[in-house]
Amino acid sequence: MDTLEFDIRLKEIISSGFTTYAIAIGREKGLFEKLCKATRPLTSTELAVEVNLDEKLVKGWLSCMVAEKLIQFDPEGDVYHVPANHQYSLLHSSGFAPALGPWIQVMEEITSGRENVDSPATKLLDWFHKHNDETSSRLIETDVIPSIKEAGLEITPESGLKVVDIGCGKANISFRFAKMFPKSTVFGVEHTDKDVEIALDSVKQMGAADNLTIMKGDAQQLPESWTDQFDCIFVFNVMHHIQDVSKATAEFRRVLKKGGLLLVIESNMHSQLSANVGSKSAALLYATHMSFQKIFHARHHHHDHDAEHPKGDHRIDCLHHSHDSDHANSHDSDHANSHHSNSQYVDEQDNNGHHSKNENSGNNHHSHAHFPQPHHTEGHGFLWGIEACQRVLEEGNFTICTQKPTTNFIRYLFVASK
């Protein structure tokens, strides 16, 4: 890259920062929503009235969006509109833009050394969890279901598939799938009592799904009775947490039916920094990691970990750390394979059938281990992102059906069959 090319690229990046802030305003103030839902093109005056903002501000915002080709302008009528095929992106893919303002405040706080758990960092984290819940849920319609169909597995509301969501987090995807396909049987698996409690609370808020079971389990040691039982396994943003990838891969292959599908989603980036040069998704993940790692560090130092467990979906844990903790063995297989409603918690049983919630067996460590920081992975052998997906597929001797970025560009999807 010569001097002129480098200078132009630098200015484009800086310009994009200002444009991102303008996009955040459009999303937060309802400007995109009003334009997308309008039955005809609007003037700047009409749009200003709709959102109750000063027309000069709206006019300037519209001009920025037109210059960036995000909104179309008709000079003859002096009106603005959004083409139908661009509306979904403006309403949904713009969801990350509002994080820019709080992120700048957080970075100022962190670099100045004025860390405070009740600072803008907490607000940014809460916002991020909400954003992630929304984007995770949409992946079902935009990526997961279409990819299952592309792989040749029949999936309709009338078909009954058996699905397990490993590391289901707040069970957004598990719940959405269960509601879309009521004749299917869906298991959402989490690793600790606390994580199961969070998932159950989330499901309770979303509604009822009698075909969904939330249970405690370990990706490295799934119930014995699950052998050749599942049509689909979801492993979304979880692989980088699993300590023994080989064990988990063997388990995935064991419980999957012949012809069944393994769907793995991870960060759309590589384990090594040198392989991420030029990747915008990697740049975004690196940048957000700077603040989220510090936020969780501050939270764990200000609150007892057991009393104040992060409430976020484990699907975003690639952006923060999770403390190692000892954990008990998996569930009794017969008990785990029985049917339960979404309001029930399938815990462990000892050999006599008694329920147990032992959190300190001292043998099996929490699979959500302290994750490798992305900017320290060069040459250290850590696997996450695309390499984590590739290793699972290669070790499990799966057949690749699909591999591509998701509609949420910071995620990468692998679909493979047994």
Protein backbone atom coordinates (compact mmCIF):
# COMPACT_ATOMS: atom_id res chain seq x y z
CA MET A 1 0.00 0.00 0.00
CA ASP A 2 1.62 3.27 -1.10
CA THR A 3 1.43 6.60 0.76
CA LEU A 4 -1.66 7.91 -1.05
CA GLU A 5 -3.59 4.64 -0.69
CA PHE A 6 -2.74 4.46 3.00
CA ASP A 7 -3.81 8.08 3.56
CA ILE A 8 -7.13 7.50 1.80
CA ARG A 9 -7.79 4.33 3.81
CA LEU A 10 -7.06 6.09 7.09
CA LYS A 11 -9.46 8.91 6.24
CA GLU A 12 -12.13 6.39 5.22
CA ILE A 13 -11.84 4.68 8.61
CA ILE A 14 -12.12 7.98 10.48
CA SER A 15 -15.07 9.02 8.33
CA SER A 16 -16.77 5.71 9.06
CA GLY A 17 -16.60 6.48 12.78
CA PHE A 18 -18.58 9.69 12.32
CA THR A 19 -21.00 7.92 9.99
CA THR A 20 -21.51 5.16 12.56
CA TYR A 21 -22.50 7.75 15.14
CA ALA A 22 -25.00 9.19 12.66
CA ILE A 23 -26.37 5.68 12.08
CA ALA A 24 -26.77 5.30 15.85
CA ILE A 25 -28.81 8.52 15.95
CA GLY A 26 -31.00 7.27 13.12
CA ARG A 27 -31.67 4.04 14.97
CA GLU A 28 -32.14 5.45 18.46
CA LYS A 29 -34.37 8.37 17.38
CA GLY A 30 -36.56 6.26 15.12
CA LEU A 31 -35.52 7.94 11.85
CA PHE A 32 -34.83 4.65 10.07
CA GLU A 33 -38.02 3.11 11.38
CA LYS A 34 -40.22 6.00 10.19
CA LEU A 35 -38.64 6.01 6.73
CA CYS A 36 -38.89 2.24 6.36
CA LYS A 37 -42.51 2.08 7.47
CA ALA A 38 -43.66 5.10 5.47
CA THR A 39 -46.05 4.28 2.63
CA ARG A 40 -44.43 6.97 0.43
CA PRO A 41 -41.19 8.99 0.31
CA LEU A 42 -40.99 11.73 2.97
CA THR A 43 -39.66 15.27 2.96
CA SER A 44 -37.20 16.32 5.65
CA THR A 45 -39.99 18.43 7.20
CA GLU A 46 -42.36 15.45 7.38
CA LEU A 47 -39.71 13.21 8.88
CA ALA A 48 -38.76 15.85 11.47
CA VAL A 49 -42.39 16.06 12.58
CA GLU A 50 -42.67 12.26 12.77
CA VAL A 51 -39.69 11.95 15.13
CA ASN A 52 -40.16 15.30 16.91
CA LEU A 53 -36.70 16.65 16.09
CA ASP A 54 -35.43 19.95 14.70
CA GLU A 55 -35.66 19.94 10.89
CA LYS A 56 -32.12 21.29 10.45
CA LEU A 57 -30.77 18.35 12.42
CA VAL A 58 -32.88 15.91 10.40
CA LYS A 59 -31.83 17.53 7.13
CA GLY A 60 -28.15 17.19 8.04
CA TRP A 61 -28.65 13.59 9.09
CA LEU A 62 -30.46 12.77 5.84
CA SER A 63 -27.67 14.37 3.82
CA CYS A 64 -25.10 12.17 5.59
CA MET A 65 -27.13 9.03 4.94
CA VAL A 66 -27.63 9.94 1.27
CA ALA A 67 -23.90 10.62 0.81
CA GLU A 68 -23.17 7.18 2.28
CA LYS A 69 -25.81 5.62 -0.03
CA LEU A 70 -27.83 4.34 2.91
CA ILE A 71 -30.92 6.38 2.03
CA GLN A 72 -32.10 7.43 -1.44
CA PHE A 73 -32.96 11.00 -2.40
CA ASP A 74 -35.31 12.20 -5.15
CA PRO A 75 -34.37 15.81 -6.02
CA GLU A 76 -37.51 16.40 -8.05
CA GLY A 77 -39.81 15.92 -5.09
CA ASP A 78 -37.16 16.77 -2.48
CA VAL A 79 -38.07 13.51 -0.74
CA TYR A 80 -36.24 10.60 0.86
CA HIS A 81 -36.94 6.86 0.97
CA VAL A 82 -35.41 3.46 1.73
CA PRO A 83 -35.69 0.72 -0.93
CA ALA A 84 -37.58 -2.34 0.30
CA ASN A 85 -34.56 -4.62 -0.04
CA HIS A 86 -32.48 -2.33 2.22
CA GLN A 87 -35.01 -1.95 5.02
CA TYR A 88 -34.17 -5.10 6.98
CA SER A 89 -30.50 -4.15 7.20
CA LEU A 90 -31.20 -0.60 8.34
CA LEU A 91 -33.62 -1.79 11.01
CA HIS A 92 -31.58 -4.73 12.29
CA SER A 93 -27.95 -4.76 11.12
CA SER A 94 -27.57 -1.21 12.40
CA GLY A 95 -28.08 -2.51 15.93
CA PHE A 96 -24.41 -2.32 16.93
CA ALA A 97 -24.00 1.35 16.05
CA PRO A 98 -25.46 2.77 19.33
CA ALA A 99 -22.61 1.12 21.25
CA LEU A 100 -20.09 3.60 19.83
CA GLY A 101 -20.94 6.48 22.18
CA PRO A 102 -20.85 4.47 25.43
CA TRP A 103 -17.79 2.58 24.18
CA ILE A 104 -15.87 5.86 23.77
CA GLN A 105 -16.80 6.81 27.35
CA VAL A 106 -15.71 3.40 28.61
CA MET A 107 -12.37 3.59 26.84
CA GLU A 108 -11.74 7.07 28.26
CA GLU A 109 -12.47 5.71 31.73
CA ILE A 110 -10.26 2.64 31.30
CA THR A 111 -7.28 4.46 29.80
CA SER A 112 -7.43 7.13 32.51
CA GLY A 113 -7.52 4.48 35.25
CA ARG A 114 -10.86 5.67 36.67
CA GLU A 115 -12.58 2.28 36.79
CA ASN A 116 -15.98 2.17 38.44
CA VAL A 117 -18.35 -0.75 38.24
CA ASP A 118 -21.32 1.66 38.14
CA SER A 119 -19.84 3.64 35.26
CA PRO A 120 -20.92 3.84 31.60
CA ALA A 121 -19.23 0.44 31.24
CA THR A 122 -22.14 -1.22 33.01
CA LYS A 123 -24.65 0.49 30.72
CA LEU A 124 -22.64 -0.59 27.70
CA LEU A 125 -22.57 -4.17 28.91
CA ASP A 126 -26.32 -4.19 29.56
CA TRP A 127 -26.91 -2.77 26.10
CA PHE A 128 -24.67 -5.39 24.56
CA HIS A 129 -26.51 -8.24 26.24
CA LYS A 130 -29.82 -6.90 24.92
CA HIS A 131 -28.41 -6.46 21.43
CA ASN A 132 -26.96 -9.96 21.46
CA ASP A 133 -30.28 -11.47 22.56
CA GLU A 134 -31.99 -9.83 19.60
CA THR A 135 -29.37 -10.81 17.02
CA SER A 136 -29.09 -14.38 18.33
CA SER A 137 -32.83 -14.87 18.04
CA ARG A 138 -32.89 -13.59 14.46
CA LEU A 139 -30.19 -16.07 13.40
CA ILE A 140 -32.83 -18.81 13.50
CA GLU A 141 -34.80 -17.25 10.63
CA THR A 142 -31.92 -15.71 8.69
CA ASP A 143 -29.26 -18.42 8.89
CA VAL A 144 -30.03 -21.56 10.89
CA ILE A 145 -33.29 -22.73 9.29
CA PRO A 146 -32.22 -21.89 5.70
CA SER A 147 -28.91 -23.73 6.24
CA ILE A 148 -30.67 -26.82 7.60
CA LYS A 149 -32.90 -26.88 4.52
CA GLU A 150 -29.92 -26.34 2.20
CA ALA A 151 -28.25 -29.37 3.80
CA GLY A 152 -31.26 -31.48 2.81
CA LEU A 153 -32.87 -32.08 6.21
CA GLU A 154 -36.65 -31.70 6.10
CA ILE A 155 -37.83 -29.13 8.60
CA THR A 156 -41.44 -27.93 8.81
CA PRO A 157 -43.86 -27.11 11.65
CA GLU A 158 -45.28 -30.59 11.11
CA SER A 159 -41.95 -32.41 11.26
CA GLY A 160 -40.59 -33.57 14.58
CA LEU A 161 -36.85 -33.12 14.91
CA LYS A 162 -34.80 -33.82 18.02
CA VAL A 163 -32.42 -30.94 18.69
CA VAL A 164 -29.88 -30.12 21.41
CA ASP A 165 -28.49 -26.61 21.91
CA ILE A 166 -25.10 -26.95 23.64
CA GLY A 167 -24.33 -23.93 25.83
CA CYS A 168 -27.78 -22.46 25.24
CA GLY A 169 -27.12 -19.31 27.30
CA LYS A 170 -30.42 -17.53 27.87
CA ALA A 171 -32.11 -20.08 25.56
CA ASN A 172 -33.17 -17.49 22.98
CA ILE A 173 -32.41 -19.79 20.06
CA SER A 174 -33.66 -22.94 21.82
CA PHE A 175 -36.94 -21.25 22.67
CA ARG A 176 -37.42 -19.75 19.21
CA PHE A 177 -36.78 -23.10 17.55
CA ALA A 178 -39.15 -24.90 19.91
CA LYS A 179 -41.93 -22.40 19.18
CA MET A 180 -41.41 -22.54 15.41
CA PHE A 181 -41.46 -26.35 15.38
CA PRO A 182 -43.85 -27.47 18.15
CA LYS A 183 -43.62 -31.16 17.19
CA SER A 184 -39.88 -31.16 17.71
CA THR A 185 -38.10 -32.01 20.97
CA VAL A 186 -35.52 -29.42 22.03
CA PHE A 187 -32.92 -29.60 24.80
CA GLY A 188 -31.05 -26.53 25.99
CA VAL A 189 -27.89 -27.54 27.88
CA GLU A 190 -25.95 -25.30 30.28
CA HIS A 191 -23.01 -26.14 32.53
CA THR A 192 -23.86 -24.78 36.02
CA ASP A 193 -26.87 -24.46 38.27
CA LYS A 194 -26.65 -20.70 37.97
CA ASP A 195 -26.59 -20.78 34.16
CA VAL A 196 -29.58 -23.13 34.12
CA GLU A 197 -31.41 -20.75 36.45
CA ILE A 198 -30.69 -17.83 34.11
CA ALA A 199 -31.95 -19.82 31.11
CA LEU A 200 -35.12 -20.87 32.94
CA ASP A 201 -35.84 -17.28 33.99
CA SER A 202 -35.35 -16.14 30.41
CA VAL A 203 -37.68 -18.82 29.04
CA LYS A 204 -40.29 -17.95 31.64
CA GLN A 205 -40.27 -14.34 30.46
CA MET A 206 -40.57 -15.37 26.80
CA GLY A 207 -43.56 -17.67 27.33
CA ALA A 208 -44.34 -21.38 27.34
CA ALA A 209 -42.77 -24.15 25.26
CA ASP A 210 -43.64 -27.63 26.49
CA ASN A 211 -41.29 -29.21 23.95
CA LEU A 212 -38.25 -27.42 25.42
CA THR A 213 -36.17 -28.84 28.28
CA ILE A 214 -33.48 -26.77 29.99
CA MET A 215 -30.93 -29.00 31.69
CA LYS A 216 -27.47 -29.05 33.23
CA GLY A 217 -24.81 -30.91 31.29
CA ASP A 218 -21.27 -31.01 29.97
CA ALA A 219 -20.38 -30.94 26.27
CA GLN A 220 -17.49 -33.28 27.06
CA GLN A 221 -19.73 -35.89 28.72
CA LEU A 222 -23.29 -36.00 27.40
CA PRO A 223 -25.85 -38.57 28.69
CA GLU A 224 -25.15 -42.16 27.65
CA SER A 225 -28.74 -42.68 26.45
CA TRP A 226 -28.34 -39.92 23.88
CA THR A 227 -26.35 -42.10 21.46
CA ASP A 228 -27.67 -41.70 17.87
CA GLN A 229 -30.63 -39.64 19.14
CA PHE A 230 -30.36 -36.16 17.62
CA ASP A 231 -31.19 -34.74 14.21
CA CYS A 232 -29.41 -31.46 14.92
CA ILE A 233 -26.79 -30.19 17.35
CA PHE A 234 -26.37 -26.43 17.82
CA VAL A 235 -23.01 -25.24 19.17
CA PHE A 236 -23.24 -21.46 18.94
CA ASN A 237 -20.35 -19.32 20.26
CA VAL A 238 -19.36 -22.05 22.70
CA MET A 239 -16.41 -23.95 21.17
CA HIS A 240 -13.80 -21.49 22.43
CA HIS A 241 -14.95 -22.23 26.01
CA ILE A 242 -14.55 -26.00 25.85
CA GLN A 243 -11.32 -27.23 27.41
CA ASP A 244 -11.12 -30.61 25.66
CA VAL A 245 -12.36 -30.06 22.12
CA SER A 246 -11.54 -33.63 21.13
CA LYS A 247 -13.80 -35.07 23.85
CA ALA A 248 -16.64 -32.73 22.94
CA THR A 249 -16.26 -33.56 19.25
CA ALA A 250 -16.46 -37.29 19.98
CA GLU A 251 -19.61 -36.67 22.04
CA PHE A 252 -21.23 -34.65 19.26
CA ARG A 253 -20.60 -37.45 16.80
CA ARG A 254 -21.89 -40.09 19.24
CA VAL A 255 -25.25 -38.42 19.96
CA LEU A 256 -25.92 -37.33 16.37
CA LYS A 257 -28.00 -39.60 14.14
CA LYS A 258 -26.56 -40.83 10.86
CA GLY A 259 -27.28 -38.03 8.41
CA GLY A 260 -27.88 -35.59 11.27
CA LEU A 261 -26.48 -32.06 11.20
CA LEU A 262 -23.94 -30.31 13.40
CA LEU A 263 -24.24 -26.51 13.26
CA VAL A 264 -21.36 -24.54 14.74
CA ILE A 265 -21.24 -20.75 14.96
CA GLU A 266 -18.13 -18.93 16.12
CA SER A 267 -16.51 -15.52 15.77
CA ASN A 268 -15.84 -14.57 12.16
CA MET A 269 -12.11 -14.33 12.74
CA HIS A 270 -9.04 -16.50 13.04
CA SER A 271 -7.11 -17.59 16.11
CA GLN A 272 -3.95 -15.87 14.92
CA LEU A 273 -3.65 -12.11 14.53
CA SER A 274 -1.68 -12.39 11.29
CA ALA A 275 -4.62 -14.17 9.63
CA ASN A 276 -7.03 -11.35 10.54
CA VAL A 277 -5.30 -8.56 8.63
CA GLY A 278 -7.93 -6.67 6.64
CA SER A 279 -10.91 -8.27 8.43
CA LYS A 280 -13.49 -5.72 9.59
CA SER A 281 -15.28 -8.28 11.77
CA ALA A 282 -11.99 -9.10 13.51
CA ALA A 283 -11.23 -5.41 14.00
CA LEU A 284 -14.63 -4.90 15.64
CA LEU A 285 -14.16 -7.90 17.94
CA TYR A 286 -10.67 -6.77 18.96
CA ALA A 287 -11.92 -3.25 19.68
CA THR A 288 -14.89 -4.32 21.78
CA HIS A 289 -12.75 -6.87 23.60
CA MET A 290 -10.60 -4.05 25.00
CA SER A 291 -13.52 -2.69 27.00
CA PHE A 292 -15.51 -5.82 27.83
CA GLN A 293 -12.52 -7.65 29.31
CA LYS A 294 -11.98 -4.75 31.73
CA ILE A 295 -15.68 -4.46 32.54
CA PHE A 296 -15.90 -8.06 33.69
CA HIS A 297 -12.64 -7.73 35.60
CA ALA A 298 -14.11 -4.75 37.48
CA ARG A 299 -17.38 -6.57 38.17
CA HIS A 300 -15.67 -9.63 39.60
CA HIS A 301 -13.52 -7.49 41.87
CA HIS A 302 -16.48 -5.47 43.17
CA HIS A 303 -18.94 -8.32 43.70
CA ASP A 304 -18.86 -11.88 44.92
CA HIS A 305 -18.85 -14.12 41.86
CA ASP A 306 -21.57 -16.44 43.15
CA ALA A 307 -23.89 -13.60 44.11
CA GLU A 308 -23.26 -11.53 41.01
CA HIS A 309 -22.94 -13.90 38.07
CA PRO A 310 -22.93 -12.14 34.68
CA LYS A 311 -26.47 -12.23 33.37
CA GLY A 312 -25.49 -12.26 29.69
CA ASP A 313 -25.95 -14.93 27.08
CA HIS A 314 -22.90 -17.22 26.89
CA ARG A 315 -23.05 -16.76 23.14
CA ILE A 316 -21.07 -13.53 23.47
CA ASP A 317 -18.44 -14.83 25.85
CA CYS A 318 -15.77 -14.48 23.18
CA LEU A 319 -15.74 -10.82 24.22
CA HIS A 320 -15.10 -11.36 27.90
CA HIS A 321 -13.61 -13.83 30.32
CA SER A 322 -15.29 -16.50 32.40
CA HIS A 323 -13.59 -17.71 35.57
CA ASP A 324 -12.63 -21.37 35.85
CA SER A 325 -14.71 -23.26 38.36
CA ASP A 326 -14.94 -26.89 39.40
CA HIS A 327 -18.09 -28.62 38.36
CA ALA A 328 -19.91 -31.83 39.05
CA ASN A 329 -20.43 -34.71 36.65
CA SER A 330 -23.18 -34.85 34.03
CA HIS A 331 -26.74 -36.01 34.56
CA ASP A 332 -27.90 -39.52 34.94
CA SER A 333 -28.64 -40.50 31.36
CA ASP A 334 -32.08 -42.03 31.84
CA HIS A 335 -33.30 -39.07 33.83
CA ALA A 336 -31.85 -36.55 31.36
CA ASN A 337 -33.53 -38.20 28.41
CA SER A 338 -37.03 -38.04 29.84
CA HIS A 339 -39.48 -35.30 28.83
CA HIS A 340 -39.76 -32.12 30.87
CA SER A 341 -41.53 -28.81 30.39
CA ASN A 342 -39.61 -25.56 30.01
CA SER A 343 -40.27 -24.65 33.64
CA GLN A 344 -38.36 -27.67 34.92
CA TYR A 345 -34.69 -28.00 35.71
CA VAL A 346 -33.12 -31.38 35.01
CA ASP A 347 -30.30 -31.69 37.52
CA GLU A 348 -28.04 -34.54 38.55
CA GLN A 349 -28.98 -37.80 40.21
CA ASP A 350 -26.75 -40.14 42.13
CA ASN A 351 -26.83 -43.88 41.59
CA ASN A 352 -29.82 -44.19 43.90
CA GLY A 353 -31.88 -41.66 41.95
CA HIS A 354 -31.45 -38.83 44.44
CA HIS A 355 -31.12 -35.32 43.04
CA SER A 356 -27.88 -33.49 43.66
CA LYS A 357 -26.49 -30.07 42.89
CA ASN A 358 -22.87 -30.70 43.74
CA GLU A 359 -20.76 -27.81 42.39
CA ASN A 360 -17.40 -28.93 43.77
CA SER A 361 -16.57 -32.42 42.67
CA GLY A 362 -12.98 -31.34 42.11
CA ASN A 363 -12.62 -33.53 39.02
CA ASN A 364 -14.27 -31.87 36.03
CA HIS A 365 -13.44 -28.24 35.40
CA HIS A 366 -15.89 -25.71 34.03
CA SER A 367 -15.74 -26.01 30.24
CA HIS A 368 -16.25 -22.25 29.99
CA ALA A 369 -12.59 -21.72 30.86
CA HIS A 370 -10.70 -18.44 30.86
CA PHE A 371 -10.71 -17.80 27.16
CA PRO A 372 -7.64 -16.85 25.10
CA GLN A 373 -7.43 -13.12 24.59
CA PRO A 374 -7.54 -12.60 20.81
CA HIS A 375 -4.61 -10.18 20.69
CA HIS A 376 -2.39 -12.69 22.54
CA THR A 377 -3.11 -15.81 20.48
CA GLU A 378 -0.24 -15.61 17.99
CA GLY A 379 1.79 -18.79 18.36
CA HIS A 380 0.12 -19.88 21.60
CA GLY A 381 -1.98 -22.69 20.15
CA PHE A 382 -5.36 -21.34 21.29
CA LEU A 383 -8.25 -22.23 19.01
CA TRP A 384 -11.36 -20.16 18.60
CA GLY A 385 -13.23 -18.52 15.79
CA ILE A 386 -12.89 -20.24 12.45
CA GLU A 387 -10.12 -22.62 13.57
CA ALA A 388 -12.30 -23.93 16.42
CA CYS A 389 -15.00 -24.83 13.91
CA GLN A 390 -12.55 -26.45 11.51
CA ARG A 391 -10.98 -28.59 14.22
CA VAL A 392 -14.35 -29.96 15.34
CA LEU A 393 -15.33 -30.86 11.80
CA GLU A 394 -11.98 -32.47 10.98
CA GLU A 395 -11.66 -34.47 14.22
CA GLY A 396 -15.25 -35.65 14.04
CA ASN A 397 -14.88 -36.72 10.42
CA PHE A 398 -17.99 -34.74 9.48
CA THR A 399 -18.93 -33.83 5.92
CA ILE A 400 -19.06 -30.07 5.29
CA CYS A 401 -22.37 -28.84 3.90
CA THR A 402 -22.03 -25.07 4.37
CA GLN A 403 -19.41 -22.65 5.66
CA LYS A 404 -20.01 -18.90 5.46
CA PRO A 405 -20.41 -15.69 7.47
CA THR A 406 -23.86 -15.27 9.00
CA THR A 407 -26.10 -12.27 8.40
CA ASN A 408 -24.50 -10.93 11.58
CA PHE A 409 -21.08 -10.43 9.98
CA ILE A 410 -19.11 -10.99 13.19
CA ARG A 411 -20.26 -14.63 13.23
CA TYR A 412 -19.25 -17.54 10.99
CA LEU A 413 -21.44 -20.60 10.40
CA PHE A 414 -20.34 -24.18 9.70
CA VAL A 415 -22.94 -26.86 8.87
CA ALA A 416 -21.80 -30.47 8.62
CA SER A 417 -23.45 -33.88 8.43
CA LYS A 418 -22.53 -37.18 10.07
